Structures are given as C-alpha cells and as structure tokens.
Amino acid sequence: MSLSAIFTEAYNFFRNHISQLAALTVPILFIQVGIQLWLGMEMANADLENPQFGALHMAAVMALLLVFSLLIASLTLFMEIRSQGHDANTGLILKTSLSFVPPLLLAGVFSGLAILAPVMLFAAFGPLWLVGLVISIYVFARLAYVNFMVVVERLTPLEAIKGSFKFSGPIAFKTLLVLMLYIPISLIGGTFSAAAQSVGFPLQLIVEVFVAFIGLFVNVALFRLYMVSRPKVEEQA
C-alpha cells in the first residue's frame, strides 16, 4: 500500500473516532503534559552552577514514564479493537491497558538506550556525532513498532524489540517518512506554546495538550502501516 493511502486511511480513522480518542487520551495527556511543564520550569529555574535534582523530581520522571506507557497502551489497544470492528469501551480499555504498562515501560527503557547509544558513542569523536545521529534515527525507525509488538502481539519487552527490528526491515523508509511528521507538528506546536506561555500556564497547558493530541495522528498512521505490512496468519503458519 502506498504511503499516501496509509495517510488517507489514518486521517479517516482519526477523524471518524476523534471523540472517542479524545475521551480516552486527553485526560492522560493533561497529566503527562502537566508533569512535563513542571519539570521544564524546575530545570529553567535551577542553579546552573549547582543544580539540585531531588526525590520529587525523580518521582515526577517515573510518573511521567508510567503515564506515557499508559497512554501508548490505551491508544494501541483502542486501535486494535476498532481495527477488528469491535466497539471500544473507554473504561474497559483503560483498565485492560494497566497490564501492559510494566512491559511497555521496560521496552521503552531498552529501546531508548539502543536509540541513544550511537549518538552518545560517536559524540566522543567530535564531528562524528552526526554519524551517530543518523544511526540513532535509523534505529528509532527500526524500533518504532515495539509498542505494537507488546500490546498486539503480546510479546515480552526483549522479544518485542527483536520483533520490531525484524519486522521493520522492508518498511524502514516508509516508517521514517511517517515519523518525520513529528517535525512540523513539533515546530508548529512549539510556536503556539511559546505564544501561550506569555499569557499564562493554564493556556500553555491547554495548547500543549491539543498539540500532543494532534501528534497522536502519527501513531495512528504508524499503526495502519503496521497492520497492512503485518504477515497474515496463514503466512506465519
């Protein structure tokens, strides 16, 4: 399937289920973005000569990871249920998603380390950090399906990482193009957020939650690409 068809189907899915998606994800996004903004303000106000990173900040980071894992689990479960033609109950999805939070959290940590490793390693060699950045972006594209492997395929974190790397090989370029949608969304969102920041925290929070919600379209497009590229049951057999 062409990439334009992927985007079209993802757009139709996002538009047709926008109210359900909002009811499911916006409350979680308010918590996630709220924590992110608080951490950002704490870092901005920190003493650069003697930065303090206490237990409260560690707890906030851990809470952020847990909330993000819940968001991804809920969104993925919703897309899986709807793709099968079943009705999706918001409360039941949230309840079921809790069981996926621990494996998603572990998979996210392992994937993050694998993605950051090349750029951090090559950074020790000066200008070669650009080579590390390219490798990290490539690894990011290859591991973009880890969440789907955990929730849809019910794989363990390590199996999901291996499965995503193997699965994404033939569609790595398409995956990268889908992920590049984050760039314009982030640039536009950053502009609106900066304008809202001058007004006050409540408006900035609302604007960033809205931008984050729009950004979920990338996950929807990625899931559609995953579904059309996924081997059929008879092929797996």
C-alpha atoms as a PDB file:
ATOM      1  CA  MET A   1       0.000   0.000   0.000  1.00  0.00           C
ATOM      2  CA  SER A   2       1.302   3.466  -0.895  1.00  0.00           C
ATOM      3  CA  LEU A   3       2.195   5.962   1.789  1.00  0.00           C
ATOM      4  CA  SER A   4      -0.487   8.381   0.593  1.00  0.00           C
ATOM      5  CA  ALA A   5      -3.089   5.631   1.091  1.00  0.00           C
ATOM      6  CA  ILE A   6      -1.708   4.995   4.592  1.00  0.00           C
ATOM      7  CA  PHE A   7      -2.063   8.674   5.475  1.00  0.00           C
ATOM      8  CA  THR A   8      -5.553   8.846   3.978  1.00  0.00           C
ATOM      9  CA  GLU A   9      -6.806   5.844   5.944  1.00  0.00           C
ATOM     10  CA  ALA A  10      -5.121   7.114   9.118  1.00  0.00           C
ATOM     11  CA  TYR A  11      -6.767  10.521   8.645  1.00  0.00           C
ATOM     12  CA  ASN A  12     -10.189   8.935   8.134  1.00  0.00           C
ATOM     13  CA  PHE A  13      -9.726   6.795  11.250  1.00  0.00           C
ATOM     14  CA  PHE A  14      -8.593   9.789  13.315  1.00  0.00           C
ATOM     15  CA  ARG A  15     -11.479  11.946  12.075  1.00  0.00           C
ATOM     16  CA  ASN A  16     -14.166   9.270  12.487  1.00  0.00           C
ATOM     17  CA  HIS A  17     -13.087   8.353  16.027  1.00  0.00           C
ATOM     18  CA  ILE A  18     -11.892  11.731  17.241  1.00  0.00           C
ATOM     19  CA  SER A  19     -14.447  11.990  20.049  1.00  0.00           C
ATOM     20  CA  GLN A  20     -13.581   8.532  21.410  1.00  0.00           C
ATOM     21  CA  LEU A  21      -9.867   9.212  21.024  1.00  0.00           C
ATOM     22  CA  ALA A  22     -10.244  12.481  22.899  1.00  0.00           C
ATOM     23  CA  ALA A  23     -12.235  10.882  25.725  1.00  0.00           C
ATOM     24  CA  LEU A  24      -9.592   8.176  26.069  1.00  0.00           C
ATOM     25  CA  THR A  25      -6.371  10.138  25.684  1.00  0.00           C
ATOM     26  CA  VAL A  26      -6.941  13.795  26.621  1.00  0.00           C
ATOM     27  CA  PRO A  27      -7.250  13.167  30.400  1.00  0.00           C
ATOM     28  CA  ILE A  28      -3.969  11.212  30.271  1.00  0.00           C
ATOM     29  CA  LEU A  29      -2.360  13.914  28.144  1.00  0.00           C
ATOM     30  CA  PHE A  30      -3.279  16.590  30.696  1.00  0.00           C
ATOM     31  CA  ILE A  31      -1.394  14.644  33.357  1.00  0.00           C
ATOM     32  CA  GLN A  32       1.557  13.913  31.070  1.00  0.00           C
ATOM     33  CA  VAL A  33       1.924  17.469  29.749  1.00  0.00           C
ATOM     34  CA  GLY A  34       1.397  18.916  33.220  1.00  0.00           C
ATOM     35  CA  ILE A  35       4.319  16.890  34.560  1.00  0.00           C
ATOM     36  CA  GLN A  36       6.467  17.817  31.567  1.00  0.00           C
ATOM     37  CA  LEU A  37       5.790  21.531  32.027  1.00  0.00           C
ATOM     38  CA  TRP A  38       6.545  21.362  35.744  1.00  0.00           C
ATOM     39  CA  LEU A  39       9.835  19.580  35.100  1.00  0.00           C
ATOM     40  CA  GLY A  40      10.655  22.141  32.432  1.00  0.00           C
ATOM     41  CA  MET A  41      10.042  25.026  34.822  1.00  0.00           C
ATOM     42  CA  GLU A  42      12.123  23.324  37.518  1.00  0.00           C
ATOM     43  CA  MET A  43      15.021  22.906  35.107  1.00  0.00           C
ATOM     44  CA  ALA A  44      14.705  26.502  33.879  1.00  0.00           C
ATOM     45  CA  ASN A  45      14.815  27.821  37.449  1.00  0.00           C
ATOM     46  CA  ALA A  46      17.645  25.526  38.548  1.00  0.00           C
ATOM     47  CA  ASP A  47      21.017  26.894  39.573  1.00  0.00           C
ATOM     48  CA  LEU A  48      23.326  26.055  36.658  1.00  0.00           C
ATOM     49  CA  GLU A  49      26.388  26.013  38.920  1.00  0.00           C
ATOM     50  CA  ASN A  50      24.765  23.754  41.494  1.00  0.00           C
ATOM     51  CA  PRO A  51      21.688  22.018  40.024  1.00  0.00           C
ATOM     52  CA  GLN A  52      19.527  20.165  42.505  1.00  0.00           C
ATOM     53  CA  PHE A  53      17.717  17.028  41.379  1.00  0.00           C
ATOM     54  CA  GLY A  54      15.838  15.624  44.351  1.00  0.00           C
ATOM     55  CA  ALA A  55      13.495  12.769  45.130  1.00  0.00           C
ATOM     56  CA  LEU A  56      10.482  14.800  43.982  1.00  0.00           C
ATOM     57  CA  HIS A  57      11.996  15.233  40.539  1.00  0.00           C
ATOM     58  CA  MET A  58      12.846  11.534  40.329  1.00  0.00           C
ATOM     59  CA  ALA A  59       9.268  10.685  41.283  1.00  0.00           C
ATOM     60  CA  ALA A  60       7.976  13.074  38.607  1.00  0.00           C
ATOM     61  CA  VAL A  61      10.156  11.464  35.929  1.00  0.00           C
ATOM     62  CA  MET A  62       8.981   7.996  36.960  1.00  0.00           C
ATOM     63  CA  ALA A  63       5.361   9.145  36.958  1.00  0.00           C
ATOM     64  CA  LEU A  64       5.878  10.639  33.501  1.00  0.00           C
ATOM     65  CA  LEU A  65       7.169   7.331  32.144  1.00  0.00           C
ATOM     66  CA  LEU A  66       4.257   5.436  33.685  1.00  0.00           C
ATOM     67  CA  VAL A  67       1.665   7.882  32.333  1.00  0.00           C
ATOM     68  CA  PHE A  68       3.231   7.795  28.859  1.00  0.00           C
ATOM     69  CA  SER A  69       3.200   3.989  28.894  1.00  0.00           C
ATOM     70  CA  LEU A  70      -0.491   4.054  29.869  1.00  0.00           C
ATOM     71  CA  LEU A  71      -1.211   6.488  27.038  1.00  0.00           C
ATOM     72  CA  ILE A  72       0.507   4.289  24.443  1.00  0.00           C
ATOM     73  CA  ALA A  73      -1.113   1.118  25.788  1.00  0.00           C
ATOM     74  CA  SER A  74      -4.586   2.684  25.721  1.00  0.00           C
ATOM     75  CA  LEU A  75      -4.187   4.159  22.259  1.00  0.00           C
ATOM     76  CA  THR A  76      -2.778   0.941  20.794  1.00  0.00           C
ATOM     77  CA  LEU A  77      -5.482  -1.188  22.399  1.00  0.00           C
ATOM     78  CA  PHE A  78      -8.158   1.166  21.085  1.00  0.00           C
ATOM     79  CA  MET A  79      -6.764   0.970  17.541  1.00  0.00           C
ATOM     80  CA  GLU A  80      -6.511  -2.812  17.729  1.00  0.00           C
ATOM     81  CA  ILE A  81     -10.105  -3.206  18.915  1.00  0.00           C
ATOM     82  CA  ARG A  82     -11.511  -0.797  16.332  1.00  0.00           C
ATOM     83  CA  SER A  83      -9.462  -2.370  13.511  1.00  0.00           C
ATOM     84  CA  GLN A  84     -11.177  -5.659  14.331  1.00  0.00           C
ATOM     85  CA  GLY A  85     -14.578  -3.989  14.028  1.00  0.00           C
ATOM     86  CA  HIS A  86     -15.463  -4.151  17.734  1.00  0.00           C
ATOM     87  CA  ASP A  87     -16.862  -1.385  19.904  1.00  0.00           C
ATOM     88  CA  ALA A  88     -14.348   0.156  22.287  1.00  0.00           C
ATOM     89  CA  ASN A  89     -15.396   0.973  25.850  1.00  0.00           C
ATOM     90  CA  THR A  90     -13.171   3.703  27.286  1.00  0.00           C
ATOM     91  CA  GLY A  91     -13.272   2.458  30.870  1.00  0.00           C
ATOM     92  CA  LEU A  92     -12.561  -1.138  29.889  1.00  0.00           C
ATOM     93  CA  ILE A  93      -9.687  -0.085  27.641  1.00  0.00           C
ATOM     94  CA  LEU A  94      -8.066   1.905  30.435  1.00  0.00           C
ATOM     95  CA  LYS A  95      -8.477  -0.991  32.836  1.00  0.00           C
ATOM     96  CA  THR A  96      -7.025  -3.505  30.383  1.00  0.00           C
ATOM     97  CA  SER A  97      -4.198  -1.150  29.458  1.00  0.00           C
ATOM     98  CA  LEU A  98      -2.821  -1.191  33.002  1.00  0.00           C
ATOM     99  CA  SER A  99      -1.495  -4.713  32.499  1.00  0.00           C
ATOM    100  CA  PHE A 100       0.615  -3.503  29.545  1.00  0.00           C
ATOM    101  CA  VAL A 101       2.241  -0.623  31.433  1.00  0.00           C
ATOM    102  CA  PRO A 102       5.128  -2.633  33.017  1.00  0.00           C
ATOM    103  CA  PRO A 103       6.250  -4.371  29.786  1.00  0.00           C
ATOM    104  CA  LEU A 104       5.857  -1.154  27.789  1.00  0.00           C
ATOM    105  CA  LEU A 105       7.907   0.727  30.371  1.00  0.00           C
ATOM    106  CA  LEU A 106      10.720  -1.823  30.182  1.00  0.00           C
ATOM    107  CA  ALA A 107      10.557  -1.962  26.395  1.00  0.00           C
ATOM    108  CA  GLY A 108      10.682   1.837  26.272  1.00  0.00           C
ATOM    109  CA  VAL A 109      13.766   1.987  28.508  1.00  0.00           C
ATOM    110  CA  PHE A 110      15.620  -0.680  26.497  1.00  0.00           C
ATOM    111  CA  SER A 111      14.606   0.911  23.178  1.00  0.00           C
ATOM    112  CA  GLY A 112      15.617   4.355  24.382  1.00  0.00           C
ATOM    113  CA  LEU A 113      19.059   3.125  25.364  1.00  0.00           C
ATOM    114  CA  ALA A 114      19.506   1.421  21.992  1.00  0.00           C
ATOM    115  CA  ILE A 115      18.464   4.600  20.162  1.00  0.00           C
ATOM    116  CA  LEU A 116      20.668   6.958  22.193  1.00  0.00           C
ATOM    117  CA  ALA A 117      23.737   4.694  22.252  1.00  0.00           C
ATOM    118  CA  PRO A 118      25.080   5.524  18.743  1.00  0.00           C
ATOM    119  CA  VAL A 119      24.875   9.311  19.065  1.00  0.00           C
ATOM    120  CA  MET A 120      26.360   9.226  22.578  1.00  0.00           C
ATOM    121  CA  LEU A 121      29.159   6.917  21.464  1.00  0.00           C
ATOM    122  CA  PHE A 122      30.089   8.960  18.389  1.00  0.00           C
ATOM    123  CA  ALA A 123      29.832  12.223  20.358  1.00  0.00           C
ATOM    124  CA  ALA A 124      33.189  11.319  21.908  1.00  0.00           C
ATOM    125  CA  PHE A 125      34.775  11.758  18.464  1.00  0.00           C
ATOM    126  CA  GLY A 126      33.746  15.346  17.825  1.00  0.00           C
ATOM    127  CA  PRO A 127      32.112  15.949  14.417  1.00  0.00           C
ATOM    128  CA  LEU A 128      31.365  12.241  14.086  1.00  0.00           C
ATOM    129  CA  TRP A 129      28.345  12.781  16.340  1.00  0.00           C
ATOM    130  CA  LEU A 130      26.430  13.461  13.107  1.00  0.00           C
ATOM    131  CA  VAL A 131      27.123   9.892  12.025  1.00  0.00           C
ATOM    132  CA  GLY A 132      25.839   8.697  15.387  1.00  0.00           C
ATOM    133  CA  LEU A 133      22.721  10.842  14.956  1.00  0.00           C
ATOM    134  CA  VAL A 134      21.955   9.262  11.577  1.00  0.00           C
ATOM    135  CA  ILE A 135      22.408   5.784  13.051  1.00  0.00           C
ATOM    136  CA  SER A 136      20.190   6.686  16.017  1.00  0.00           C
ATOM    137  CA  ILE A 137      17.435   7.928  13.695  1.00  0.00           C
ATOM    138  CA  TYR A 138      17.667   4.692  11.723  1.00  0.00           C
ATOM    139  CA  VAL A 139      17.466   2.608  14.913  1.00  0.00           C
ATOM    140  CA  PHE A 140      14.488   4.725  16.024  1.00  0.00           C
ATOM    141  CA  ALA A 141      12.674   3.835  12.794  1.00  0.00           C
ATOM    142  CA  ARG A 142      13.502   0.145  13.192  1.00  0.00           C
ATOM    143  CA  LEU A 143      12.183   0.103  16.783  1.00  0.00           C
ATOM    144  CA  ALA A 144       9.053   2.128  16.052  1.00  0.00           C
ATOM    145  CA  TYR A 145       6.830  -0.964  16.306  1.00  0.00           C
ATOM    146  CA  VAL A 146       7.944  -2.155  19.735  1.00  0.00           C
ATOM    147  CA  ASN A 147       4.748  -0.873  21.383  1.00  0.00           C
ATOM    148  CA  PHE A 148       2.583  -2.727  18.873  1.00  0.00           C
ATOM    149  CA  MET A 149       4.579  -5.894  19.422  1.00  0.00           C
ATOM    150  CA  VAL A 150       3.944  -5.680  23.168  1.00  0.00           C
ATOM    151  CA  VAL A 151       0.223  -4.855  23.018  1.00  0.00           C
ATOM    152  CA  VAL A 152      -0.945  -6.570  19.814  1.00  0.00           C
ATOM    153  CA  GLU A 153       1.489  -9.472  19.585  1.00  0.00           C
ATOM    154  CA  ARG A 154       1.692  -9.889  23.396  1.00  0.00           C
ATOM    155  CA  LEU A 155       5.489 -10.248  23.277  1.00  0.00           C
ATOM    156  CA  THR A 156       7.893  -9.656  26.155  1.00  0.00           C
ATOM    157  CA  PRO A 157       9.970  -6.424  26.032  1.00  0.00           C
ATOM    158  CA  LEU A 158      13.095  -8.065  24.608  1.00  0.00           C
ATOM    159  CA  GLU A 159      11.081 -10.171  22.159  1.00  0.00           C
ATOM    160  CA  ALA A 160       9.216  -7.019  21.090  1.00  0.00           C
ATOM    161  CA  ILE A 161      12.486  -5.200  20.373  1.00  0.00           C
ATOM    162  CA  LYS A 162      13.774  -8.114  18.308  1.00  0.00           C
ATOM    163  CA  GLY A 163      10.398  -8.472  16.596  1.00  0.00           C
ATOM    164  CA  SER A 164      10.188  -4.776  15.702  1.00  0.00           C
ATOM    165  CA  PHE A 165      13.707  -4.743  14.267  1.00  0.00           C
ATOM    166  CA  LYS A 166      12.973  -7.775  12.117  1.00  0.00           C
ATOM    167  CA  PHE A 167       9.502  -6.606  11.063  1.00  0.00           C
ATOM    168  CA  SER A 168      10.520  -3.051  10.131  1.00  0.00           C
ATOM    169  CA  GLY A 169      13.326  -4.036   7.733  1.00  0.00           C
ATOM    170  CA  PRO A 170      11.299  -3.960   4.485  1.00  0.00           C
ATOM    171  CA  ILE A 171       9.362  -0.818   5.504  1.00  0.00           C
ATOM    172  CA  ALA A 172      12.115   1.166   7.241  1.00  0.00           C
ATOM    173  CA  PHE A 173      11.974   4.034   4.735  1.00  0.00           C
ATOM    174  CA  LYS A 174       8.179   4.327   4.903  1.00  0.00           C
ATOM    175  CA  THR A 175       8.377   4.209   8.681  1.00  0.00           C
ATOM    176  CA  LEU A 176      10.915   7.027   8.702  1.00  0.00           C
ATOM    177  CA  LEU A 177       8.676   9.166   6.488  1.00  0.00           C
ATOM    178  CA  VAL A 178       5.749   8.625   8.851  1.00  0.00           C
ATOM    179  CA  LEU A 179       7.876   9.533  11.870  1.00  0.00           C
ATOM    180  CA  MET A 180       9.033  12.719  10.135  1.00  0.00           C
ATOM    181  CA  LEU A 181       5.510  14.074  10.636  1.00  0.00           C
ATOM    182  CA  TYR A 182       6.632  14.807  14.194  1.00  0.00           C
ATOM    183  CA  ILE A 183       8.901  17.580  12.852  1.00  0.00           C
ATOM    184  CA  PRO A 184       6.240  20.001  11.509  1.00  0.00           C
ATOM    185  CA  ILE A 185       3.894  19.163  14.389  1.00  0.00           C
ATOM    186  CA  SER A 186       6.648  19.939  16.915  1.00  0.00           C
ATOM    187  CA  LEU A 187       7.659  23.176  15.152  1.00  0.00           C
ATOM    188  CA  ILE A 188       4.096  24.470  14.903  1.00  0.00           C
ATOM    189  CA  GLY A 189       3.320  23.304  18.436  1.00  0.00           C
ATOM    190  CA  GLY A 190       6.428  25.000  19.795  1.00  0.00           C
ATOM    191  CA  THR A 191       5.400  28.295  18.196  1.00  0.00           C
ATOM    192  CA  PHE A 192       1.900  28.154  19.673  1.00  0.00           C
ATOM    193  CA  SER A 193       3.252  27.050  23.052  1.00  0.00           C
ATOM    194  CA  ALA A 194       5.697  29.963  23.181  1.00  0.00           C
ATOM    195  CA  ALA A 195       2.866  32.385  22.414  1.00  0.00           C
ATOM    196  CA  ALA A 196       0.626  30.791  25.056  1.00  0.00           C
ATOM    197  CA  GLN A 197       3.409  30.873  27.653  1.00  0.00           C
ATOM    198  CA  SER A 198       3.325  34.668  27.656  1.00  0.00           C
ATOM    199  CA  VAL A 199      -0.349  34.519  28.627  1.00  0.00           C
ATOM    200  CA  GLY A 200      -0.016  32.030  31.451  1.00  0.00           C
ATOM    201  CA  PHE A 201       0.393  28.402  32.489  1.00  0.00           C
ATOM    202  CA  PRO A 202      -3.274  27.308  32.037  1.00  0.00           C
ATOM    203  CA  LEU A 203      -3.357  28.381  28.379  1.00  0.00           C
ATOM    204  CA  GLN A 204       0.069  26.865  27.727  1.00  0.00           C
ATOM    205  CA  LEU A 205      -1.126  23.584  29.223  1.00  0.00           C
ATOM    206  CA  ILE A 206      -4.242  23.546  27.035  1.00  0.00           C
ATOM    207  CA  VAL A 207      -2.272  24.400  23.887  1.00  0.00           C
ATOM    208  CA  GLU A 208       0.366  21.732  24.503  1.00  0.00           C
ATOM    209  CA  VAL A 209      -2.277  19.098  25.252  1.00  0.00           C
ATOM    210  CA  PHE A 210      -4.006  19.987  21.987  1.00  0.00           C
ATOM    211  CA  VAL A 211      -0.734  19.716  20.041  1.00  0.00           C
ATOM    212  CA  ALA A 212       0.082  16.401  21.753  1.00  0.00           C
ATOM    213  CA  PHE A 213      -3.373  15.094  20.822  1.00  0.00           C
ATOM    214  CA  ILE A 214      -2.856  16.072  17.168  1.00  0.00           C
ATOM    215  CA  GLY A 215       0.526  14.337  17.367  1.00  0.00           C
ATOM    216  CA  LEU A 216      -1.260  11.062  18.068  1.00  0.00           C
ATOM    217  CA  PHE A 217      -2.072  11.020  14.355  1.00  0.00           C
ATOM    218  CA  VAL A 218       1.489   9.818  13.798  1.00  0.00           C
ATOM    219  CA  ASN A 219       0.777   6.789  15.995  1.00  0.00           C
ATOM    220  CA  VAL A 220      -2.414   6.115  14.043  1.00  0.00           C
ATOM    221  CA  ALA A 221      -0.559   6.283  10.718  1.00  0.00           C
ATOM    222  CA  LEU A 222       2.199   4.067  12.069  1.00  0.00           C
ATOM    223  CA  PHE A 223      -0.360   1.531  13.288  1.00  0.00           C
ATOM    224  CA  ARG A 224      -2.023   1.480   9.878  1.00  0.00           C
ATOM    225  CA  LEU A 225       1.348   0.850   8.220  1.00  0.00           C
ATOM    226  CA  TYR A 226       1.952  -1.915  10.753  1.00  0.00           C
ATOM    227  CA  MET A 227      -1.398  -3.565  10.064  1.00  0.00           C
ATOM    228  CA  VAL A 228      -1.055  -3.607   6.265  1.00  0.00           C
ATOM    229  CA  SER A 229       2.533  -4.882   6.490  1.00  0.00           C
ATOM    230  CA  ARG A 230       1.828  -7.488   9.149  1.00  0.00           C
ATOM    231  CA  PRO A 231       2.112 -11.117   7.945  1.00  0.00           C
ATOM    232  CA  LYS A 232      -1.207 -12.891   7.619  1.00  0.00           C
ATOM    233  CA  VAL A 233      -1.930 -15.807   9.944  1.00  0.00           C
ATOM    234  CA  GLU A 234      -1.599 -18.307   7.133  1.00  0.00           C
ATOM    235  CA  GLU A 235       1.758 -16.812   6.115  1.00  0.00           C
ATOM    236  CA  GLN A 236       3.041 -17.096   9.688  1.00  0.00           C
ATOM    237  CA  ALA A 237       1.935 -20.737   9.771  1.00  0.00           C
END
